[in-house]
Each structure stands twice: as structure tokens, then as C-alpha cells.
């Protein structure tokens, strides 16, 4: 498993360049790694995607085998259309994998760097 690394605000292009160069050097040394970097332009952009209900959903998905959005809605005792919208938003942001095989969160933690 890997962690998801979020960057919020600040010089996102500089941070992305630094991460690319760091990954390049690690690959040159023969290191293997699996990481995902996501960027949000502002705190508000992140807060629109990562709400409290969506964090609950991510927590559940990470710890359980979820076969469908309908099964997830039932397990969370939530309305299907709201859970479907949450899954769509989280998948669109790169925080969730949803396919015909089910719904998955393939990471253990979200590491966040927020520029002030």
C-alpha cells in the first residue's frame, strides 16, 4: 500500500516539479515506489471534495470489500443517490477507484501539505 499525498495551494507547479525530480532520482537508484500525488488549488477546493461524509465513506471502503455503490449505500445507511455522488466526486479527484469490480481505496493514509 502507499499513501496519497495532497498539496493544497501555494506553488503547485514547483511542488509537482520537485516531486517528479525526486521520483526520477529514486528510480535511477533502483528504488521501487508507488505513490500518488494530488493537488488542489485552495483549501476551499479540497473542502468541497473531502467532506466529513466522504471521509467516513473512504474509511469504510478502505477497510471493507465493497462490491457496488448500492452495497456501499446500504452499509453506510445512506441514500443511494448521495453515496453515488460522493463516489463520483472522490473518484474524479483521484481518491477512490470505482469500477464494475467494486469500489476501492488503495492507500492507507492521506498526507496533506497546505500552503498558508
N, C-alpha and C. Protein backbone atom coordinates (compact mmCIF):
# COMPACT_ATOMS: atom_id res chain seq x y z
N UNK A 1 0.84 -1.19 0.00
CA UNK A 1 0.00 0.00 0.00
C UNK A 1 0.88 1.25 0.00
N UNK A 2 0.30 2.30 -0.45
CA UNK A 2 1.00 3.57 -0.45
C UNK A 2 0.11 4.63 0.17
N UNK A 3 0.65 5.79 0.31
CA UNK A 3 -0.12 6.92 0.80
C UNK A 3 -0.44 7.83 -0.37
N UNK A 4 -1.48 8.60 -0.21
CA UNK A 4 -1.81 9.66 -1.16
C UNK A 4 -1.27 10.94 -0.57
N UNK A 5 -0.57 11.71 -1.38
CA UNK A 5 0.00 12.97 -0.92
C UNK A 5 -0.74 14.11 -1.59
N UNK A 6 -1.38 14.95 -0.76
CA UNK A 6 -2.14 16.10 -1.26
C UNK A 6 -1.35 17.37 -1.05
N UNK A 7 -1.37 18.22 -2.05
CA UNK A 7 -0.81 19.56 -1.93
C UNK A 7 -1.96 20.53 -2.12
N UNK A 8 -2.07 21.48 -1.22
CA UNK A 8 -3.15 22.45 -1.28
C UNK A 8 -2.56 23.84 -1.37
N UNK A 9 -2.92 24.54 -2.44
CA UNK A 9 -2.48 25.93 -2.63
C UNK A 9 -1.00 26.06 -2.82
N UNK A 10 -0.52 27.28 -2.74
CA UNK A 10 0.91 27.54 -2.89
C UNK A 10 1.38 27.35 -4.30
N UNK A 11 2.62 27.07 -4.44
CA UNK A 11 3.23 26.89 -5.75
C UNK A 11 3.11 25.42 -6.17
N UNK A 12 1.93 25.05 -6.66
CA UNK A 12 1.68 23.65 -7.02
C UNK A 12 2.60 23.18 -8.13
N UNK A 13 2.91 24.04 -9.10
CA UNK A 13 3.78 23.65 -10.20
C UNK A 13 5.19 23.36 -9.70
N UNK A 14 5.69 24.20 -8.79
CA UNK A 14 7.01 23.95 -8.21
C UNK A 14 7.03 22.65 -7.42
N UNK A 15 5.99 22.40 -6.66
CA UNK A 15 5.91 21.17 -5.87
C UNK A 15 5.85 19.95 -6.79
N UNK A 16 5.06 20.03 -7.85
CA UNK A 16 4.97 18.91 -8.81
C UNK A 16 6.32 18.65 -9.46
N UNK A 17 7.03 19.70 -9.81
CA UNK A 17 8.37 19.55 -10.40
C UNK A 17 9.32 18.89 -9.42
N UNK A 18 9.28 19.32 -8.16
CA UNK A 18 10.14 18.74 -7.13
C UNK A 18 9.83 17.26 -6.94
N UNK A 19 8.56 16.90 -6.93
CA UNK A 19 8.16 15.51 -6.75
C UNK A 19 8.61 14.65 -7.93
N UNK A 20 8.52 15.20 -9.14
CA UNK A 20 8.95 14.47 -10.32
C UNK A 20 10.45 14.21 -10.28
N UNK A 21 11.22 15.22 -9.96
CA UNK A 21 12.67 15.09 -9.89
C UNK A 21 13.07 14.09 -8.80
N UNK A 22 12.40 14.16 -7.64
CA UNK A 22 12.66 13.22 -6.56
C UNK A 22 12.38 11.79 -7.01
N UNK A 23 11.26 11.59 -7.69
CA UNK A 23 10.91 10.25 -8.18
C UNK A 23 11.92 9.77 -9.22
N UNK A 24 12.37 10.66 -10.06
CA UNK A 24 13.36 10.32 -11.09
C UNK A 24 14.66 9.82 -10.42
N UNK A 25 15.13 10.55 -9.43
CA UNK A 25 16.36 10.16 -8.73
C UNK A 25 16.20 8.82 -8.02
N UNK A 26 15.06 8.59 -7.41
CA UNK A 26 14.83 7.31 -6.74
C UNK A 26 14.82 6.16 -7.75
N UNK A 27 14.21 6.41 -8.91
CA UNK A 27 14.19 5.39 -9.96
C UNK A 27 15.60 5.12 -10.47
N UNK A 28 16.41 6.15 -10.61
CA UNK A 28 17.80 5.96 -11.04
C UNK A 28 18.59 5.10 -10.05
N UNK A 29 18.26 5.23 -8.77
CA UNK A 29 18.93 4.43 -7.74
C UNK A 29 18.36 3.01 -7.66
N UNK A 30 17.35 2.73 -8.45
CA UNK A 30 16.76 1.40 -8.46
C UNK A 30 15.70 1.18 -7.42
N UNK A 31 15.29 2.23 -6.74
CA UNK A 31 14.24 2.11 -5.72
C UNK A 31 12.89 1.88 -6.40
N UNK A 32 12.08 1.06 -5.78
CA UNK A 32 10.71 0.88 -6.26
C UNK A 32 9.78 1.63 -5.32
N UNK A 33 8.81 2.27 -5.88
CA UNK A 33 7.88 3.04 -5.06
C UNK A 33 6.55 3.16 -5.79
N UNK A 34 5.54 3.37 -5.01
CA UNK A 34 4.19 3.53 -5.54
C UNK A 34 3.55 4.66 -4.75
N UNK A 35 3.44 5.81 -5.38
CA UNK A 35 2.82 6.94 -4.68
C UNK A 35 1.93 7.71 -5.62
N UNK A 36 1.00 8.37 -5.04
CA UNK A 36 0.05 9.16 -5.79
C UNK A 36 0.08 10.58 -5.22
N UNK A 37 0.23 11.56 -6.09
CA UNK A 37 0.25 12.97 -5.70
C UNK A 37 -0.95 13.66 -6.32
N UNK A 38 -1.69 14.37 -5.50
CA UNK A 38 -2.84 15.12 -5.97
C UNK A 38 -2.70 16.56 -5.51
N UNK A 39 -3.21 17.49 -6.31
CA UNK A 39 -3.10 18.91 -5.96
C UNK A 39 -4.47 19.57 -6.04
N UNK A 40 -4.72 20.44 -5.08
CA UNK A 40 -5.94 21.24 -5.05
C UNK A 40 -5.51 22.70 -4.99
N UNK A 41 -6.16 23.53 -5.74
CA UNK A 41 -5.73 24.93 -5.83
C UNK A 41 -5.91 25.71 -4.54
N UNK A 42 -6.85 25.28 -3.70
CA UNK A 42 -7.11 26.02 -2.46
C UNK A 42 -7.74 25.09 -1.42
N UNK A 43 -7.77 25.58 -0.19
CA UNK A 43 -8.44 24.85 0.89
C UNK A 43 -9.91 24.63 0.53
N UNK A 44 -10.56 25.65 -0.03
CA UNK A 44 -11.97 25.52 -0.39
C UNK A 44 -12.18 24.42 -1.42
N UNK A 45 -11.26 24.30 -2.38
CA UNK A 45 -11.37 23.25 -3.39
C UNK A 45 -11.27 21.87 -2.73
N UNK A 46 -10.34 21.72 -1.81
CA UNK A 46 -10.21 20.45 -1.09
C UNK A 46 -11.44 20.18 -0.24
N UNK A 47 -11.92 21.19 0.47
CA UNK A 47 -13.07 21.03 1.37
C UNK A 47 -14.34 20.66 0.60
N UNK A 48 -14.45 21.10 -0.65
CA UNK A 48 -15.62 20.73 -1.46
C UNK A 48 -15.59 19.24 -1.80
N UNK A 49 -14.41 18.66 -1.90
CA UNK A 49 -14.28 17.25 -2.26
C UNK A 49 -14.23 16.36 -1.03
N UNK A 50 -13.51 16.75 -0.02
CA UNK A 50 -13.25 15.89 1.13
C UNK A 50 -14.09 16.32 2.34
N UNK A 51 -15.38 16.06 2.25
CA UNK A 51 -16.30 16.40 3.33
C UNK A 51 -16.25 15.31 4.42
N UNK A 52 -16.92 15.57 5.52
CA UNK A 52 -16.97 14.60 6.60
C UNK A 52 -17.60 13.28 6.17
N UNK A 53 -18.71 13.33 5.46
CA UNK A 53 -19.38 12.11 4.99
C UNK A 53 -18.49 11.34 4.03
N UNK A 54 -17.76 12.06 3.20
CA UNK A 54 -16.87 11.39 2.25
C UNK A 54 -15.68 10.76 2.95
N UNK A 55 -15.20 11.37 4.02
CA UNK A 55 -14.13 10.75 4.81
C UNK A 55 -14.64 9.46 5.45
N UNK A 56 -15.87 9.47 5.96
CA UNK A 56 -16.47 8.25 6.50
C UNK A 56 -16.54 7.17 5.43
N UNK A 57 -16.94 7.57 4.23
CA UNK A 57 -17.05 6.64 3.11
C UNK A 57 -15.67 6.06 2.78
N UNK A 58 -14.64 6.90 2.69
CA UNK A 58 -13.29 6.42 2.40
C UNK A 58 -12.82 5.44 3.48
N UNK A 59 -13.08 5.78 4.72
CA UNK A 59 -12.69 4.92 5.84
C UNK A 59 -13.34 3.54 5.71
N UNK A 60 -14.62 3.52 5.40
CA UNK A 60 -15.34 2.25 5.26
C UNK A 60 -14.80 1.45 4.07
N UNK A 61 -14.63 2.11 2.95
CA UNK A 61 -14.16 1.43 1.73
C UNK A 61 -12.77 0.85 1.94
N UNK A 62 -11.91 1.58 2.63
CA UNK A 62 -10.55 1.10 2.86
C UNK A 62 -10.52 -0.18 3.68
N UNK A 63 -11.48 -0.34 4.57
CA UNK A 63 -11.47 -1.47 5.49
C UNK A 63 -12.41 -2.61 5.11
N UNK A 64 -13.19 -2.42 4.05
CA UNK A 64 -14.18 -3.44 3.68
C UNK A 64 -14.16 -3.69 2.18
N UNK A 65 -14.55 -4.88 1.79
CA UNK A 65 -14.71 -5.23 0.39
C UNK A 65 -16.07 -4.69 -0.07
N UNK A 66 -16.04 -3.71 -0.94
CA UNK A 66 -17.28 -3.07 -1.40
C UNK A 66 -17.51 -3.47 -2.86
N UNK A 67 -18.60 -4.18 -3.11
CA UNK A 67 -18.87 -4.70 -4.45
C UNK A 67 -19.60 -3.72 -5.36
N UNK A 68 -20.31 -2.75 -4.77
CA UNK A 68 -21.06 -1.80 -5.60
C UNK A 68 -21.41 -0.56 -4.79
N UNK A 69 -21.81 0.47 -5.49
CA UNK A 69 -22.24 1.70 -4.82
C UNK A 69 -23.51 1.43 -4.02
N UNK A 70 -24.38 0.62 -4.56
CA UNK A 70 -25.63 0.28 -3.85
C UNK A 70 -25.31 -0.43 -2.53
N UNK A 71 -24.39 -1.39 -2.57
CA UNK A 71 -23.99 -2.10 -1.34
C UNK A 71 -23.34 -1.13 -0.36
N UNK A 72 -22.56 -0.19 -0.87
CA UNK A 72 -21.93 0.81 0.00
C UNK A 72 -22.97 1.69 0.67
N UNK A 73 -23.95 2.15 -0.09
CA UNK A 73 -25.03 2.98 0.47
C UNK A 73 -25.77 2.23 1.57
N UNK A 74 -26.05 0.96 1.32
CA UNK A 74 -26.75 0.16 2.32
C UNK A 74 -25.91 -0.01 3.58
N UNK A 75 -24.60 -0.30 3.40
CA UNK A 75 -23.72 -0.50 4.55
C UNK A 75 -23.58 0.77 5.39
N UNK A 76 -23.61 1.93 4.73
CA UNK A 76 -23.48 3.21 5.42
C UNK A 76 -24.82 3.77 5.89
N UNK A 77 -25.91 3.08 5.56
CA UNK A 77 -27.27 3.55 5.88
C UNK A 77 -27.50 4.96 5.33
N UNK A 78 -27.10 5.14 4.08
CA UNK A 78 -27.26 6.44 3.42
C UNK A 78 -28.04 6.28 2.12
N UNK A 79 -28.58 7.37 1.63
CA UNK A 79 -29.32 7.39 0.38
C UNK A 79 -28.39 7.06 -0.78
N UNK A 80 -28.85 6.19 -1.69
CA UNK A 80 -28.04 5.76 -2.82
C UNK A 80 -27.55 6.93 -3.66
N UNK A 81 -28.42 7.87 -3.98
CA UNK A 81 -28.02 8.97 -4.87
C UNK A 81 -26.93 9.85 -4.23
N UNK A 82 -26.99 10.03 -2.92
CA UNK A 82 -25.94 10.81 -2.24
C UNK A 82 -24.61 10.06 -2.24
N UNK A 83 -24.66 8.77 -1.98
CA UNK A 83 -23.43 7.96 -1.99
C UNK A 83 -22.87 7.90 -3.40
N UNK A 84 -23.72 7.75 -4.39
CA UNK A 84 -23.27 7.74 -5.79
C UNK A 84 -22.55 9.04 -6.12
N UNK A 85 -23.12 10.18 -5.72
CA UNK A 85 -22.48 11.48 -5.97
C UNK A 85 -21.15 11.58 -5.24
N UNK A 86 -21.08 11.05 -4.02
CA UNK A 86 -19.82 11.08 -3.26
C UNK A 86 -18.76 10.21 -3.92
N UNK A 87 -19.13 9.04 -4.36
CA UNK A 87 -18.19 8.15 -5.04
C UNK A 87 -17.68 8.81 -6.32
N UNK A 88 -18.59 9.41 -7.06
CA UNK A 88 -18.21 10.09 -8.31
C UNK A 88 -17.22 11.23 -8.04
N UNK A 89 -17.48 12.03 -7.01
CA UNK A 89 -16.60 13.15 -6.67
C UNK A 89 -15.23 12.66 -6.21
N UNK A 90 -15.21 11.65 -5.36
CA UNK A 90 -13.94 11.12 -4.85
C UNK A 90 -13.14 10.43 -5.95
N UNK A 91 -13.81 9.72 -6.83
CA UNK A 91 -13.12 9.08 -7.95
C UNK A 91 -12.58 10.15 -8.91
N UNK A 92 -13.36 11.19 -9.15
CA UNK A 92 -12.91 12.27 -10.02
C UNK A 92 -11.69 12.99 -9.48
N UNK A 93 -11.57 13.04 -8.17
CA UNK A 93 -10.43 13.70 -7.53
C UNK A 93 -9.22 12.76 -7.41
N UNK A 94 -9.40 11.47 -7.74
CA UNK A 94 -8.31 10.52 -7.64
C UNK A 94 -8.17 9.86 -6.28
N UNK A 95 -9.19 10.00 -5.44
CA UNK A 95 -9.12 9.44 -4.09
C UNK A 95 -9.83 8.09 -3.94
N UNK A 96 -10.48 7.63 -5.00
CA UNK A 96 -11.25 6.40 -4.95
C UNK A 96 -11.23 5.76 -6.32
N UNK A 97 -11.22 4.43 -6.36
CA UNK A 97 -11.33 3.69 -7.61
C UNK A 97 -12.69 3.02 -7.64
N UNK A 98 -13.49 3.34 -8.65
CA UNK A 98 -14.81 2.72 -8.79
C UNK A 98 -14.89 2.10 -10.18
N UNK A 99 -15.22 0.80 -10.21
CA UNK A 99 -15.34 0.10 -11.48
C UNK A 99 -16.39 -0.99 -11.34
N UNK A 100 -16.55 -1.77 -12.38
CA UNK A 100 -17.51 -2.87 -12.32
C UNK A 100 -17.08 -3.93 -11.30
N UNK A 101 -15.81 -3.89 -10.88
CA UNK A 101 -15.30 -4.83 -9.89
C UNK A 101 -15.57 -4.36 -8.46
N UNK A 102 -16.02 -3.12 -8.29
CA UNK A 102 -16.31 -2.61 -6.96
C UNK A 102 -15.73 -1.24 -6.72
N UNK A 103 -15.71 -0.85 -5.47
CA UNK A 103 -15.22 0.46 -5.04
C UNK A 103 -14.04 0.22 -4.11
N UNK A 104 -12.90 0.88 -4.41
CA UNK A 104 -11.69 0.63 -3.61
C UNK A 104 -10.97 1.93 -3.29
N UNK A 105 -10.30 1.92 -2.15
CA UNK A 105 -9.37 2.98 -1.76
C UNK A 105 -8.05 2.26 -1.49
N UNK A 106 -7.12 2.35 -2.44
CA UNK A 106 -5.89 1.57 -2.37
C UNK A 106 -4.74 2.31 -1.70
N UNK A 107 -4.99 2.86 -0.54
CA UNK A 107 -3.95 3.54 0.21
C UNK A 107 -4.32 3.51 1.68
N UNK A 108 -3.32 3.73 2.52
CA UNK A 108 -3.55 3.66 3.96
C UNK A 108 -3.75 5.00 4.61
N UNK A 109 -3.22 6.06 4.00
CA UNK A 109 -3.28 7.38 4.62
C UNK A 109 -3.29 8.47 3.56
N UNK A 110 -3.79 9.62 3.94
CA UNK A 110 -3.73 10.81 3.10
C UNK A 110 -2.81 11.80 3.83
N UNK A 111 -1.69 12.09 3.21
CA UNK A 111 -0.74 13.05 3.75
C UNK A 111 -0.99 14.39 3.06
N UNK A 112 -1.20 15.43 3.84
CA UNK A 112 -1.60 16.71 3.26
C UNK A 112 -0.60 17.81 3.60
N UNK A 113 -0.26 18.58 2.59
CA UNK A 113 0.60 19.75 2.77
C UNK A 113 -0.22 20.95 2.32
N UNK A 114 -0.48 21.87 3.25
CA UNK A 114 -1.33 23.02 2.97
C UNK A 114 -0.49 24.28 3.06
N UNK A 115 -0.39 24.99 1.95
CA UNK A 115 0.34 26.26 1.95
C UNK A 115 -0.51 27.34 2.61
N UNK A 116 0.13 28.20 3.35
CA UNK A 116 -0.58 29.30 4.02
C UNK A 116 -0.28 30.59 3.31
